[in-house]
PDB file of N, CA and C in Angstrom:
ATOM      1  N   UNK A   1      84.770 -25.678  85.632  1.00  0.00           N
ATOM      2  CA  UNK A   1      83.420 -26.160  85.780  1.00  0.00           C
ATOM      3  C   UNK A   1      83.429 -27.661  85.471  1.00  0.00           C
ATOM      4  N   UNK A   2      82.808 -28.444  86.349  1.00  0.00           N
ATOM      5  CA  UNK A   2      82.756 -29.888  86.197  1.00  0.00           C
ATOM      6  C   UNK A   2      81.307 -30.295  85.927  1.00  0.00           C
ATOM      7  N   UNK A   3      80.984 -30.661  84.691  1.00  0.00           N
ATOM      8  CA  UNK A   3      79.614 -31.002  84.314  1.00  0.00           C
ATOM      9  C   UNK A   3      79.503 -32.471  83.941  1.00  0.00           C
ATOM     10  N   UNK A   4      78.394 -33.083  84.302  1.00  0.00           N
ATOM     11  CA  UNK A   4      78.080 -34.441  83.875  1.00  0.00           C
ATOM     12  C   UNK A   4      77.048 -34.334  82.761  1.00  0.00           C
ATOM     13  N   UNK A   5      77.335 -34.932  81.632  1.00  0.00           N
ATOM     14  CA  UNK A   5      76.427 -34.897  80.485  1.00  0.00           C
ATOM     15  C   UNK A   5      76.004 -36.325  80.156  1.00  0.00           C
ATOM     16  N   UNK A   6      74.712 -36.531  79.982  1.00  0.00           N
ATOM     17  CA  UNK A   6      74.163 -37.820  79.561  1.00  0.00           C
ATOM     18  C   UNK A   6      73.242 -37.562  78.383  1.00  0.00           C
ATOM     19  N   UNK A   7      73.399 -38.336  77.340  1.00  0.00           N
ATOM     20  CA  UNK A   7      72.570 -38.191  76.143  1.00  0.00           C
ATOM     21  C   UNK A   7      71.419 -39.187  76.198  1.00  0.00           C
ATOM     22  N   UNK A   8      70.233 -38.773  75.785  1.00  0.00           N
ATOM     23  CA  UNK A   8      69.059 -39.642  75.743  1.00  0.00           C
ATOM     24  C   UNK A   8      68.754 -40.028  74.309  1.00  0.00           C
ATOM     25  N   UNK A   9      68.951 -41.305  73.985  1.00  0.00           N
ATOM     26  CA  UNK A   9      68.583 -41.904  72.701  1.00  0.00           C
ATOM     27  C   UNK A   9      69.326 -41.334  71.497  1.00  0.00           C
ATOM     28  N   UNK A  10      70.431 -40.663  71.708  1.00  0.00           N
ATOM     29  CA  UNK A  10      71.236 -40.126  70.615  1.00  0.00           C
ATOM     30  C   UNK A  10      72.709 -40.246  70.966  1.00  0.00           C
ATOM     31  N   UNK A  11      73.503 -40.735  70.059  1.00  0.00           N
ATOM     32  CA  UNK A  11      74.953 -40.799  70.266  1.00  0.00           C
ATOM     33  C   UNK A  11      75.528 -39.440  69.898  1.00  0.00           C
ATOM     34  N   UNK A  12      76.075 -38.729  70.886  1.00  0.00           N
ATOM     35  CA  UNK A  12      76.655 -37.412  70.645  1.00  0.00           C
ATOM     36  C   UNK A  12      78.157 -37.494  70.410  1.00  0.00           C
ATOM     37  N   UNK A  13      78.822 -38.226  71.286  1.00  0.00           N
ATOM     38  CA  UNK A  13      80.275 -38.402  71.194  1.00  0.00           C
ATOM     39  C   UNK A  13      80.630 -39.679  71.942  1.00  0.00           C
ATOM     40  N   UNK A  14      81.745 -40.249  71.618  1.00  0.00           N
ATOM     41  CA  UNK A  14      82.158 -41.522  72.228  1.00  0.00           C
ATOM     42  C   UNK A  14      82.320 -41.418  73.750  1.00  0.00           C
ATOM     43  N   UNK A  15      82.670 -40.265  74.273  1.00  0.00           N
ATOM     44  CA  UNK A  15      82.915 -40.121  75.708  1.00  0.00           C
ATOM     45  C   UNK A  15      81.686 -39.666  76.497  1.00  0.00           C
ATOM     46  N   UNK A  16      80.526 -39.567  75.851  1.00  0.00           N
ATOM     47  CA  UNK A  16      79.291 -39.152  76.527  1.00  0.00           C
ATOM     48  C   UNK A  16      78.393 -40.375  76.698  1.00  0.00           C
ATOM     49  N   UNK A  17      78.025 -40.727  77.956  1.00  0.00           N
ATOM     50  CA  UNK A  17      77.136 -41.871  78.182  1.00  0.00           C
ATOM     51  C   UNK A  17      75.787 -41.653  77.511  1.00  0.00           C
ATOM     52  N   UNK A  18      75.162 -42.754  77.103  1.00  0.00           N
ATOM     53  CA  UNK A  18      73.869 -42.671  76.427  1.00  0.00           C
ATOM     54  C   UNK A  18      72.852 -43.556  77.150  1.00  0.00           C
ATOM     55  N   UNK A  19      71.621 -43.059  77.277  1.00  0.00           N
ATOM     56  CA  UNK A  19      70.508 -43.808  77.855  1.00  0.00           C
ATOM     57  C   UNK A  19      69.529 -44.091  76.721  1.00  0.00           C
ATOM     58  N   UNK A  20      69.211 -45.361  76.523  1.00  0.00           N
ATOM     59  CA  UNK A  20      68.253 -45.735  75.486  1.00  0.00           C
ATOM     60  C   UNK A  20      67.141 -46.580  76.104  1.00  0.00           C
ATOM     61  N   UNK A  21      66.157 -46.930  75.302  1.00  0.00           N
ATOM     62  CA  UNK A  21      65.044 -47.744  75.771  1.00  0.00           C
ATOM     63  C   UNK A  21      64.665 -48.726  74.675  1.00  0.00           C
ATOM     64  N   UNK A  22      63.971 -49.770  75.081  1.00  0.00           N
ATOM     65  CA  UNK A  22      63.567 -50.833  74.175  1.00  0.00           C
ATOM     66  C   UNK A  22      62.039 -50.834  74.102  1.00  0.00           C
ATOM     67  N   UNK A  23      61.486 -50.205  73.084  1.00  0.00           N
ATOM     68  CA  UNK A  23      60.032 -50.097  72.951  1.00  0.00           C
ATOM     69  C   UNK A  23      59.354 -51.450  72.796  1.00  0.00           C
ATOM     70  N   UNK A  24      59.995 -52.368  72.083  1.00  0.00           N
ATOM     71  CA  UNK A  24      59.391 -53.689  71.873  1.00  0.00           C
ATOM     72  C   UNK A  24      59.263 -54.426  73.201  1.00  0.00           C
ATOM     73  N   UNK A  25      60.350 -54.474  73.972  1.00  0.00           N
ATOM     74  CA  UNK A  25      60.292 -55.156  75.267  1.00  0.00           C
ATOM     75  C   UNK A  25      59.321 -54.450  76.208  1.00  0.00           C
ATOM     76  N   UNK A  26      59.264 -53.139  76.167  1.00  0.00           N
ATOM     77  CA  UNK A  26      58.304 -52.402  76.991  1.00  0.00           C
ATOM     78  C   UNK A  26      56.873 -52.786  76.656  1.00  0.00           C
ATOM     79  N   UNK A  27      56.575 -52.949  75.371  1.00  0.00           N
ATOM     80  CA  UNK A  27      55.235 -53.371  74.953  1.00  0.00           C
ATOM     81  C   UNK A  27      54.917 -54.786  75.400  1.00  0.00           C
ATOM     82  N   UNK A  28      55.899 -55.670  75.296  1.00  0.00           N
ATOM     83  CA  UNK A  28      55.704 -57.058  75.735  1.00  0.00           C
ATOM     84  C   UNK A  28      55.431 -57.107  77.237  1.00  0.00           C
ATOM     85  N   UNK A  29      56.231 -56.395  78.014  1.00  0.00           N
ATOM     86  CA  UNK A  29      56.040 -56.382  79.469  1.00  0.00           C
ATOM     87  C   UNK A  29      54.692 -55.779  79.856  1.00  0.00           C
ATOM     88  N   UNK A  30      54.287 -54.720  79.170  1.00  0.00           N
ATOM     89  CA  UNK A  30      52.983 -54.099  79.466  1.00  0.00           C
ATOM     90  C   UNK A  30      51.848 -55.068  79.157  1.00  0.00           C
ATOM     91  N   UNK A  31      51.908 -55.735  78.016  1.00  0.00           N
ATOM     92  CA  UNK A  31      50.847 -56.679  77.651  1.00  0.00           C
ATOM     93  C   UNK A  31      50.778 -57.842  78.635  1.00  0.00           C
ATOM     94  N   UNK A  32      51.924 -58.338  79.072  1.00  0.00           N
ATOM     95  CA  UNK A  32      51.936 -59.416  80.080  1.00  0.00           C
ATOM     96  C   UNK A  32      51.259 -58.968  81.363  1.00  0.00           C
ATOM     97  N   UNK A  33      51.547 -57.735  81.782  1.00  0.00           N
ATOM     98  CA  UNK A  33      50.930 -57.211  83.000  1.00  0.00           C
ATOM     99  C   UNK A  33      49.419 -57.097  82.831  1.00  0.00           C
ATOM    100  N   UNK A  34      48.965 -56.582  81.679  1.00  0.00           N
ATOM    101  CA  UNK A  34      47.527 -56.469  81.431  1.00  0.00           C
ATOM    102  C   UNK A  34      46.847 -57.830  81.502  1.00  0.00           C
ATOM    103  N   UNK A  35      47.464 -58.853  80.911  1.00  0.00           N
ATOM    104  CA  UNK A  35      46.901 -60.200  80.935  1.00  0.00           C
ATOM    105  C   UNK A  35      46.865 -60.733  82.364  1.00  0.00           C
ATOM    106  N   UNK A  36      47.948 -60.531  83.120  1.00  0.00           N
ATOM    107  CA  UNK A  36      47.980 -60.955  84.518  1.00  0.00           C
ATOM    108  C   UNK A  36      46.882 -60.296  85.343  1.00  0.00           C
ATOM    109  N   UNK A  37      46.549 -59.052  85.001  1.00  0.00           N
ATOM    110  CA  UNK A  37      45.517 -58.307  85.734  1.00  0.00           C
ATOM    111  C   UNK A  37      44.107 -58.613  85.241  1.00  0.00           C
ATOM    112  N   UNK A  38      43.979 -59.506  84.250  1.00  0.00           N
ATOM    113  CA  UNK A  38      42.650 -59.935  83.814  1.00  0.00           C
ATOM    114  C   UNK A  38      42.158 -59.325  82.515  1.00  0.00           C
ATOM    115  N   UNK A  39      42.911 -58.477  81.879  1.00  0.00           N
ATOM    116  CA  UNK A  39      42.474 -57.893  80.613  1.00  0.00           C
ATOM    117  C   UNK A  39      42.480 -58.969  79.531  1.00  0.00           C
ATOM    118  N   UNK A  40      41.408 -59.048  78.761  1.00  0.00           N
ATOM    119  CA  UNK A  40      41.308 -60.056  77.714  1.00  0.00           C
ATOM    120  C   UNK A  40      41.173 -59.456  76.320  1.00  0.00           C
ATOM    121  N   UNK A  41      40.938 -58.196  76.222  1.00  0.00           N
ATOM    122  CA  UNK A  41      40.878 -57.518  74.920  1.00  0.00           C
ATOM    123  C   UNK A  41      41.944 -56.434  74.928  1.00  0.00           C
ATOM    124  N   UNK A  42      42.672 -56.313  73.839  1.00  0.00           N
ATOM    125  CA  UNK A  42      43.722 -55.309  73.802  1.00  0.00           C
ATOM    126  C   UNK A  42      43.642 -54.526  72.500  1.00  0.00           C
ATOM    127  N   UNK A  43      44.195 -53.354  72.525  1.00  0.00           N
ATOM    128  CA  UNK A  43      44.275 -52.506  71.333  1.00  0.00           C
ATOM    129  C   UNK A  43      45.628 -51.825  71.349  1.00  0.00           C
ATOM    130  N   UNK A  44      46.137 -51.553  70.181  1.00  0.00           N
ATOM    131  CA  UNK A  44      47.433 -50.892  70.038  1.00  0.00           C
ATOM    132  C   UNK A  44      47.233 -49.707  69.117  1.00  0.00           C
ATOM    133  N   UNK A  45      47.444 -48.520  69.638  1.00  0.00           N
ATOM    134  CA  UNK A  45      47.290 -47.285  68.873  1.00  0.00           C
ATOM    135  C   UNK A  45      48.670 -46.715  68.617  1.00  0.00           C
ATOM    136  N   UNK A  46      48.966 -46.453  67.361  1.00  0.00           N
ATOM    137  CA  UNK A  46      50.268 -45.876  67.052  1.00  0.00           C
ATOM    138  C   UNK A  46      50.135 -44.868  65.923  1.00  0.00           C
ATOM    139  N   UNK A  47      51.083 -43.975  65.869  1.00  0.00           N
ATOM    140  CA  UNK A  47      51.077 -42.930  64.850  1.00  0.00           C
ATOM    141  C   UNK A  47      52.391 -42.972  64.088  1.00  0.00           C
ATOM    142  N   UNK A  48      52.313 -42.642  62.847  1.00  0.00           N
ATOM    143  CA  UNK A  48      53.491 -42.508  62.003  1.00  0.00           C
ATOM    144  C   UNK A  48      53.188 -41.429  60.980  1.00  0.00           C
ATOM    145  N   UNK A  49      54.178 -41.062  60.211  1.00  0.00           N
ATOM    146  CA  UNK A  49      53.932 -40.060  59.181  1.00  0.00           C
ATOM    147  C   UNK A  49      52.838 -40.571  58.250  1.00  0.00           C
ATOM    148  N   UNK A  50      51.795 -39.814  58.099  1.00  0.00           N
ATOM    149  CA  UNK A  50      50.724 -40.205  57.193  1.00  0.00           C
ATOM    150  C   UNK A  50      49.465 -40.684  57.884  1.00  0.00           C
ATOM    151  N   UNK A  51      49.452 -40.787  59.219  1.00  0.00           N
ATOM    152  CA  UNK A  51      48.207 -41.171  59.858  1.00  0.00           C
ATOM    153  C   UNK A  51      48.383 -41.892  61.172  1.00  0.00           C
ATOM    154  N   UNK A  52      47.246 -42.175  61.782  1.00  0.00           N
ATOM    155  CA  UNK A  52      47.177 -42.894  63.045  1.00  0.00           C
ATOM    156  C   UNK A  52      46.493 -44.228  62.785  1.00  0.00           C
ATOM    157  N   UNK A  53      46.940 -45.271  63.473  1.00  0.00           N
ATOM    158  CA  UNK A  53      46.435 -46.612  63.226  1.00  0.00           C
ATOM    159  C   UNK A  53      45.999 -47.251  64.541  1.00  0.00           C
ATOM    160  N   UNK A  54      45.001 -48.124  64.472  1.00  0.00           N
ATOM    161  CA  UNK A  54      44.505 -48.843  65.632  1.00  0.00           C
ATOM    162  C   UNK A  54      44.441 -50.319  65.280  1.00  0.00           C
ATOM    163  N   UNK A  55      45.128 -51.127  66.077  1.00  0.00           N
ATOM    164  CA  UNK A  55      45.064 -52.577  65.925  1.00  0.00           C
ATOM    165  C   UNK A  55      44.352 -53.131  67.149  1.00  0.00           C
ATOM    166  N   UNK A  56      43.396 -54.025  66.942  1.00  0.00           N
ATOM    167  CA  UNK A  56      42.674 -54.624  68.063  1.00  0.00           C
ATOM    168  C   UNK A  56      42.750 -56.128  67.943  1.00  0.00           C
ATOM    169  N   UNK A  57      42.649 -56.802  69.099  1.00  0.00           N
ATOM    170  CA  UNK A  57      42.665 -58.255  69.062  1.00  0.00           C
ATOM    171  C   UNK A  57      42.150 -58.845  70.352  1.00  0.00           C
ATOM    172  N   UNK A  58      41.730 -60.089  70.260  1.00  0.00           N
ATOM    173  CA  UNK A  58      41.344 -60.870  71.446  1.00  0.00           C
ATOM    174  C   UNK A  58      42.449 -61.884  71.673  1.00  0.00           C
ATOM    175  N   UNK A  59      42.990 -61.880  72.880  1.00  0.00           N
ATOM    176  CA  UNK A  59      44.089 -62.796  73.186  1.00  0.00           C
ATOM    177  C   UNK A  59      43.763 -63.626  74.382  1.00  0.00           C
TER     178      UNK A  59
END
């Protein structure tokens, strides 16, 4: 049996390819797009252990 295995965001073994993502760059690119499209008020909602948080700002 010939199987291709790819790991997502976790290193399983040295010989298994891994796919990761950059949340910070994704947020930067999304905010740039919103500004380009005319959005002038933004909010950032995130959750962590212990609660949910909302950050708002005018940019």
